[in-house]
Every structure is written in structure tokens, then in C-alpha cells.
Amino acid sequence: MAGVLPVPDMDHPDLLAVAADHHPQGLYGTRGGHRNACAAWIICIGWSARIGGSGPRLDIHHAGWRLRTDRRIPLAEQMYGHDALHTGTFTLNDSELMEQARRLAR
């Protein structure tokens, strides 16, 4: 799952469009098609950000959250144990944690 955090007065990027701008077919090939390559890129970036990360971050170990799903893309083959990518709008149930996350995005 990959979600965009809604921040008032900021545009919310389309994750597939961001992936497409990075030409993921060069890394993931064309066998599974353009959407598969974009989904693979998003999953890889998400995984890399989680284990590596740089700059300010907010590590939350236990919190309620929701993802309003807008898209599901089955993968041509498993990546990091996943067989599909789900994208949408991500929110935390705790309003204080949500505000902390929004401050990072600003």
C-alpha cells in the first residue's frame, strides 16, 4: 500500500504519474507493461524510504490509520512479498499524529 498524505493547500500527486516521470521501464522492463513497471517503482521507493530514509521523518510504531483506495495494480511477479500495489489517500486516526505528519510534508 502506498498513500498520499492529504495536506491542506498542497497539490496531491498521482503516484503513478510520479513513477512514470522516472521512466521505470528502464529498471523493471516492459514484460508486465507500463502500469506494472510504475507499480514496481512505487513499491521499491516505498520500501527503500522505509528502511533507509533520509532527512526528517516520523516513525510511528502503533497507530490506527486508513487508506482510501483509488487504485489496485496486480504485479507481474511478487516484489518484497507483495503481489499487488494499492494506492490512495492515507490518514492517521490520531489527529495529533496526523498534524505531525503534515508538518513534515510542508
N, C-alpha and C. Protein backbone atom coordinates (compact mmCIF):
# COMPACT_ATOMS: atom_id res chain seq x y z
N MET A 1 0.84 -1.17 0.00
CA MET A 1 0.00 0.00 0.00
C MET A 1 0.88 1.24 0.00
N ALA A 2 0.49 2.17 -0.79
CA ALA A 2 1.19 3.45 -0.83
C ALA A 2 0.14 4.54 -0.86
N GLY A 3 0.26 5.47 0.06
CA GLY A 3 -0.74 6.52 0.12
C GLY A 3 -0.14 7.90 0.11
N VAL A 4 -0.92 8.83 -0.36
CA VAL A 4 -0.56 10.24 -0.34
C VAL A 4 -1.22 10.86 0.89
N LEU A 5 -0.46 11.58 1.66
CA LEU A 5 -0.96 12.26 2.85
C LEU A 5 -1.63 13.56 2.43
N PRO A 6 -2.92 13.73 2.71
CA PRO A 6 -3.57 14.99 2.33
C PRO A 6 -3.10 16.15 3.21
N VAL A 7 -2.60 17.18 2.57
CA VAL A 7 -2.14 18.38 3.27
C VAL A 7 -2.92 19.56 2.68
N PRO A 8 -3.66 20.27 3.54
CA PRO A 8 -4.42 21.42 3.03
C PRO A 8 -3.53 22.41 2.27
N ASP A 9 -4.04 22.96 1.20
CA ASP A 9 -3.37 23.96 0.37
C ASP A 9 -2.15 23.42 -0.38
N MET A 10 -2.06 22.10 -0.53
CA MET A 10 -0.98 21.50 -1.32
C MET A 10 -1.61 20.56 -2.34
N ASP A 11 -1.01 20.51 -3.53
CA ASP A 11 -1.46 19.55 -4.54
C ASP A 11 -1.09 18.15 -4.10
N HIS A 12 -1.94 17.21 -4.42
CA HIS A 12 -1.67 15.82 -4.09
C HIS A 12 -1.24 15.10 -5.36
N PRO A 13 -0.02 14.60 -5.38
CA PRO A 13 0.47 13.98 -6.62
C PRO A 13 -0.21 12.64 -6.89
N ASP A 14 -0.33 12.31 -8.16
CA ASP A 14 -0.76 10.99 -8.58
C ASP A 14 0.50 10.12 -8.57
N LEU A 15 0.53 9.12 -7.72
CA LEU A 15 1.74 8.31 -7.57
C LEU A 15 2.16 7.63 -8.86
N LEU A 16 1.19 7.19 -9.67
CA LEU A 16 1.55 6.57 -10.94
C LEU A 16 2.18 7.56 -11.90
N ALA A 17 1.72 8.80 -11.89
CA ALA A 17 2.32 9.84 -12.74
C ALA A 17 3.74 10.14 -12.29
N VAL A 18 3.97 10.17 -10.99
CA VAL A 18 5.33 10.40 -10.46
C VAL A 18 6.24 9.26 -10.92
N ALA A 19 5.75 8.03 -10.79
CA ALA A 19 6.54 6.87 -11.22
C ALA A 19 6.84 6.95 -12.71
N ALA A 20 5.84 7.28 -13.51
CA ALA A 20 6.02 7.35 -14.97
C ALA A 20 7.08 8.39 -15.34
N ASP A 21 7.13 9.50 -14.60
CA ASP A 21 8.14 10.53 -14.86
C ASP A 21 9.56 10.03 -14.65
N HIS A 22 9.71 8.94 -13.90
CA HIS A 22 11.03 8.38 -13.64
C HIS A 22 11.38 7.21 -14.58
N HIS A 23 10.56 7.01 -15.61
CA HIS A 23 10.81 6.00 -16.65
C HIS A 23 11.17 4.63 -16.05
N PRO A 24 10.24 4.03 -15.31
CA PRO A 24 10.53 2.78 -14.60
C PRO A 24 10.76 1.58 -15.51
N GLN A 25 10.37 1.65 -16.78
CA GLN A 25 10.58 0.51 -17.66
C GLN A 25 12.07 0.20 -17.82
N GLY A 26 12.91 1.23 -17.72
CA GLY A 26 14.35 1.01 -17.82
C GLY A 26 14.88 0.13 -16.70
N LEU A 27 14.21 0.17 -15.56
CA LEU A 27 14.63 -0.63 -14.41
C LEU A 27 13.85 -1.93 -14.30
N TYR A 28 12.56 -1.87 -14.58
CA TYR A 28 11.69 -3.03 -14.38
C TYR A 28 11.24 -3.70 -15.67
N GLY A 29 11.69 -3.20 -16.81
CA GLY A 29 11.36 -3.82 -18.08
C GLY A 29 9.93 -3.55 -18.53
N THR A 30 9.59 -4.13 -19.65
CA THR A 30 8.26 -3.91 -20.23
C THR A 30 7.42 -5.17 -20.23
N ARG A 31 7.96 -6.27 -19.73
CA ARG A 31 7.23 -7.55 -19.78
C ARG A 31 5.84 -7.45 -19.15
N GLY A 32 5.74 -6.79 -18.02
CA GLY A 32 4.45 -6.66 -17.35
C GLY A 32 3.67 -5.43 -17.78
N GLY A 33 4.22 -4.63 -18.67
CA GLY A 33 3.55 -3.42 -19.14
C GLY A 33 3.93 -2.20 -18.32
N HIS A 34 3.50 -1.06 -18.83
CA HIS A 34 3.85 0.23 -18.23
C HIS A 34 3.33 0.35 -16.79
N ARG A 35 2.06 -0.01 -16.56
CA ARG A 35 1.48 0.10 -15.20
C ARG A 35 2.23 -0.78 -14.21
N ASN A 36 2.64 -1.97 -14.65
CA ASN A 36 3.38 -2.87 -13.78
C ASN A 36 4.73 -2.26 -13.40
N ALA A 37 5.41 -1.67 -14.38
CA ALA A 37 6.71 -1.03 -14.11
C ALA A 37 6.54 0.13 -13.14
N CYS A 38 5.48 0.93 -13.32
CA CYS A 38 5.22 2.05 -12.41
C CYS A 38 4.91 1.53 -11.00
N ALA A 39 4.10 0.50 -10.90
CA ALA A 39 3.76 -0.07 -9.59
C ALA A 39 5.02 -0.61 -8.91
N ALA A 40 5.87 -1.29 -9.66
CA ALA A 40 7.11 -1.82 -9.10
C ALA A 40 8.00 -0.69 -8.59
N TRP A 41 8.08 0.40 -9.33
CA TRP A 41 8.89 1.54 -8.91
C TRP A 41 8.36 2.12 -7.60
N ILE A 42 7.04 2.28 -7.48
CA ILE A 42 6.44 2.84 -6.26
C ILE A 42 6.72 1.92 -5.07
N ILE A 43 6.57 0.62 -5.25
CA ILE A 43 6.84 -0.32 -4.16
C ILE A 43 8.30 -0.25 -3.75
N CYS A 44 9.20 -0.20 -4.71
CA CYS A 44 10.64 -0.12 -4.40
C CYS A 44 10.97 1.16 -3.66
N ILE A 45 10.44 2.28 -4.11
CA ILE A 45 10.71 3.56 -3.46
C ILE A 45 10.16 3.55 -2.03
N GLY A 46 8.96 3.03 -1.87
CA GLY A 46 8.37 2.95 -0.53
C GLY A 46 9.19 2.09 0.40
N TRP A 47 9.62 0.94 -0.09
CA TRP A 47 10.45 0.04 0.72
C TRP A 47 11.78 0.71 1.06
N SER A 48 12.40 1.32 0.08
CA SER A 48 13.70 1.97 0.30
C SER A 48 13.58 3.12 1.29
N ALA A 49 12.52 3.90 1.18
CA ALA A 49 12.33 5.02 2.11
C ALA A 49 12.12 4.51 3.53
N ARG A 50 11.44 3.39 3.65
CA ARG A 50 11.15 2.84 4.99
C ARG A 50 12.41 2.31 5.66
N ILE A 51 13.26 1.62 4.91
CA ILE A 51 14.43 1.03 5.54
C ILE A 51 15.64 1.96 5.56
N GLY A 52 15.68 2.92 4.66
CA GLY A 52 16.83 3.82 4.58
C GLY A 52 16.47 5.21 5.05
N GLY A 53 15.65 5.82 4.27
CA GLY A 53 15.19 7.16 4.60
C GLY A 53 16.30 8.16 4.80
N SER A 54 16.00 9.38 4.53
CA SER A 54 16.94 10.45 4.80
C SER A 54 16.13 11.67 5.16
N GLY A 55 16.76 12.58 5.84
CA GLY A 55 16.06 13.79 6.23
C GLY A 55 15.09 13.54 7.36
N PRO A 56 14.28 14.52 7.67
CA PRO A 56 13.33 14.38 8.77
C PRO A 56 12.31 13.28 8.47
N ARG A 57 11.94 12.57 9.51
CA ARG A 57 10.95 11.51 9.36
C ARG A 57 10.17 11.35 10.64
N LEU A 58 9.06 10.69 10.54
CA LEU A 58 8.19 10.43 11.68
C LEU A 58 7.97 8.92 11.73
N ASP A 59 8.59 8.26 12.69
CA ASP A 59 8.42 6.82 12.85
C ASP A 59 7.30 6.57 13.85
N ILE A 60 6.24 5.98 13.37
CA ILE A 60 5.09 5.65 14.21
C ILE A 60 4.97 4.14 14.24
N HIS A 61 5.09 3.58 15.41
CA HIS A 61 5.11 2.11 15.51
C HIS A 61 3.73 1.51 15.71
N HIS A 62 2.84 2.20 16.38
CA HIS A 62 1.49 1.68 16.61
C HIS A 62 0.49 2.82 16.50
N ALA A 63 -0.32 2.79 15.47
CA ALA A 63 -1.33 3.83 15.30
C ALA A 63 -2.41 3.32 14.35
N GLY A 64 -3.62 3.76 14.59
CA GLY A 64 -4.69 3.45 13.67
C GLY A 64 -4.57 4.31 12.42
N TRP A 65 -4.89 3.77 11.27
CA TRP A 65 -4.79 4.50 10.02
C TRP A 65 -5.82 3.98 9.03
N ARG A 66 -6.00 4.74 7.96
CA ARG A 66 -6.91 4.36 6.87
C ARG A 66 -6.27 4.70 5.53
N LEU A 67 -6.60 3.91 4.55
CA LEU A 67 -6.20 4.22 3.17
C LEU A 67 -7.46 4.18 2.33
N ARG A 68 -7.84 5.33 1.79
CA ARG A 68 -8.97 5.37 0.86
C ARG A 68 -8.40 4.97 -0.50
N THR A 69 -8.64 3.74 -0.87
CA THR A 69 -8.03 3.17 -2.06
C THR A 69 -8.65 3.73 -3.33
N ASP A 70 -7.80 4.15 -4.25
CA ASP A 70 -8.28 4.62 -5.55
C ASP A 70 -7.80 3.74 -6.70
N ARG A 71 -6.88 2.82 -6.40
CA ARG A 71 -6.32 2.01 -7.48
C ARG A 71 -5.70 0.74 -6.91
N ARG A 72 -5.85 -0.36 -7.65
CA ARG A 72 -5.17 -1.62 -7.34
C ARG A 72 -4.52 -2.11 -8.62
N ILE A 73 -3.21 -2.38 -8.56
CA ILE A 73 -2.49 -2.85 -9.74
C ILE A 73 -1.84 -4.19 -9.41
N PRO A 74 -2.32 -5.27 -10.02
CA PRO A 74 -1.66 -6.56 -9.81
C PRO A 74 -0.26 -6.52 -10.44
N LEU A 75 0.71 -7.12 -9.77
CA LEU A 75 2.08 -7.16 -10.27
C LEU A 75 2.31 -8.39 -11.13
N ALA A 76 3.19 -8.30 -12.11
CA ALA A 76 3.52 -9.43 -12.97
C ALA A 76 4.21 -10.53 -12.15
N GLU A 77 4.94 -10.13 -11.11
CA GLU A 77 5.58 -11.08 -10.19
C GLU A 77 5.71 -10.41 -8.83
N GLN A 78 5.86 -11.22 -7.79
CA GLN A 78 5.93 -10.66 -6.44
C GLN A 78 7.15 -9.76 -6.26
N MET A 79 6.94 -8.70 -5.47
CA MET A 79 8.02 -7.79 -5.08
C MET A 79 7.93 -7.57 -3.58
N TYR A 80 9.01 -7.82 -2.88
CA TYR A 80 9.05 -7.62 -1.44
C TYR A 80 7.86 -8.32 -0.76
N GLY A 81 7.45 -9.46 -1.29
CA GLY A 81 6.36 -10.23 -0.73
C GLY A 81 4.97 -9.75 -1.13
N HIS A 82 4.88 -8.80 -2.02
CA HIS A 82 3.57 -8.26 -2.45
C HIS A 82 3.24 -8.71 -3.86
N ASP A 83 1.96 -8.95 -4.12
CA ASP A 83 1.54 -9.32 -5.47
C ASP A 83 0.67 -8.25 -6.12
N ALA A 84 0.44 -7.14 -5.40
CA ALA A 84 -0.34 -6.03 -5.96
C ALA A 84 0.03 -4.74 -5.22
N LEU A 85 -0.18 -3.63 -5.90
CA LEU A 85 0.00 -2.31 -5.28
C LEU A 85 -1.37 -1.68 -5.13
N HIS A 86 -1.65 -1.16 -3.96
CA HIS A 86 -2.86 -0.39 -3.70
C HIS A 86 -2.43 1.04 -3.41
N THR A 87 -3.03 2.01 -4.08
CA THR A 87 -2.71 3.41 -3.83
C THR A 87 -3.97 4.15 -3.42
N GLY A 88 -3.77 5.28 -2.76
CA GLY A 88 -4.91 6.10 -2.34
C GLY A 88 -4.47 7.21 -1.42
N THR A 89 -5.42 7.68 -0.62
CA THR A 89 -5.18 8.76 0.33
C THR A 89 -5.05 8.18 1.72
N PHE A 90 -3.95 8.47 2.38
CA PHE A 90 -3.59 7.90 3.66
C PHE A 90 -3.89 8.90 4.79
N THR A 91 -4.55 8.44 5.84
CA THR A 91 -4.78 9.29 7.00
C THR A 91 -4.55 8.49 8.28
N LEU A 92 -4.12 9.20 9.30
CA LEU A 92 -3.95 8.61 10.64
C LEU A 92 -5.18 8.93 11.47
N ASN A 93 -5.60 8.00 12.30
CA ASN A 93 -6.78 8.22 13.15
C ASN A 93 -6.52 9.26 14.24
N ASP A 94 -5.30 9.34 14.72
CA ASP A 94 -4.92 10.28 15.78
C ASP A 94 -4.63 11.65 15.16
N SER A 95 -5.42 12.66 15.53
CA SER A 95 -5.28 13.98 14.90
C SER A 95 -3.93 14.63 15.18
N GLU A 96 -3.34 14.39 16.35
CA GLU A 96 -2.02 14.97 16.66
C GLU A 96 -0.94 14.33 15.79
N LEU A 97 -0.98 13.02 15.64
CA LEU A 97 -0.02 12.36 14.75
C LEU A 97 -0.21 12.81 13.30
N MET A 98 -1.45 13.00 12.91
CA MET A 98 -1.73 13.47 11.55
C MET A 98 -1.13 14.86 11.33
N GLU A 99 -1.24 15.72 12.32
CA GLU A 99 -0.66 17.06 12.20
C GLU A 99 0.86 17.01 12.15
N GLN A 100 1.46 16.12 12.94
CA GLN A 100 2.93 15.96 12.90
C GLN A 100 3.36 15.51 11.50
N ALA A 101 2.63 14.58 10.92
CA ALA A 101 2.95 14.09 9.58
C ALA A 101 2.79 15.21 8.55
N ARG A 102 1.75 16.01 8.68
CA ARG A 102 1.53 17.13 7.75
C ARG A 102 2.65 18.15 7.85
N ARG A 103 3.14 18.41 9.06
CA ARG A 103 4.25 19.37 9.21
C ARG A 103 5.48 18.90 8.47
N LEU A 104 5.72 17.59 8.46
CA LEU A 104 6.86 17.06 7.71
C LEU A 104 6.71 17.30 6.20
N ALA A 105 5.48 17.21 5.73
CA ALA A 105 5.23 17.36 4.29
C ALA A 105 5.33 18.81 3.85
N ARG A 106 5.10 19.72 4.74
CA ARG A 106 5.15 21.15 4.38
C ARG A 106 6.57 21.54 4.26
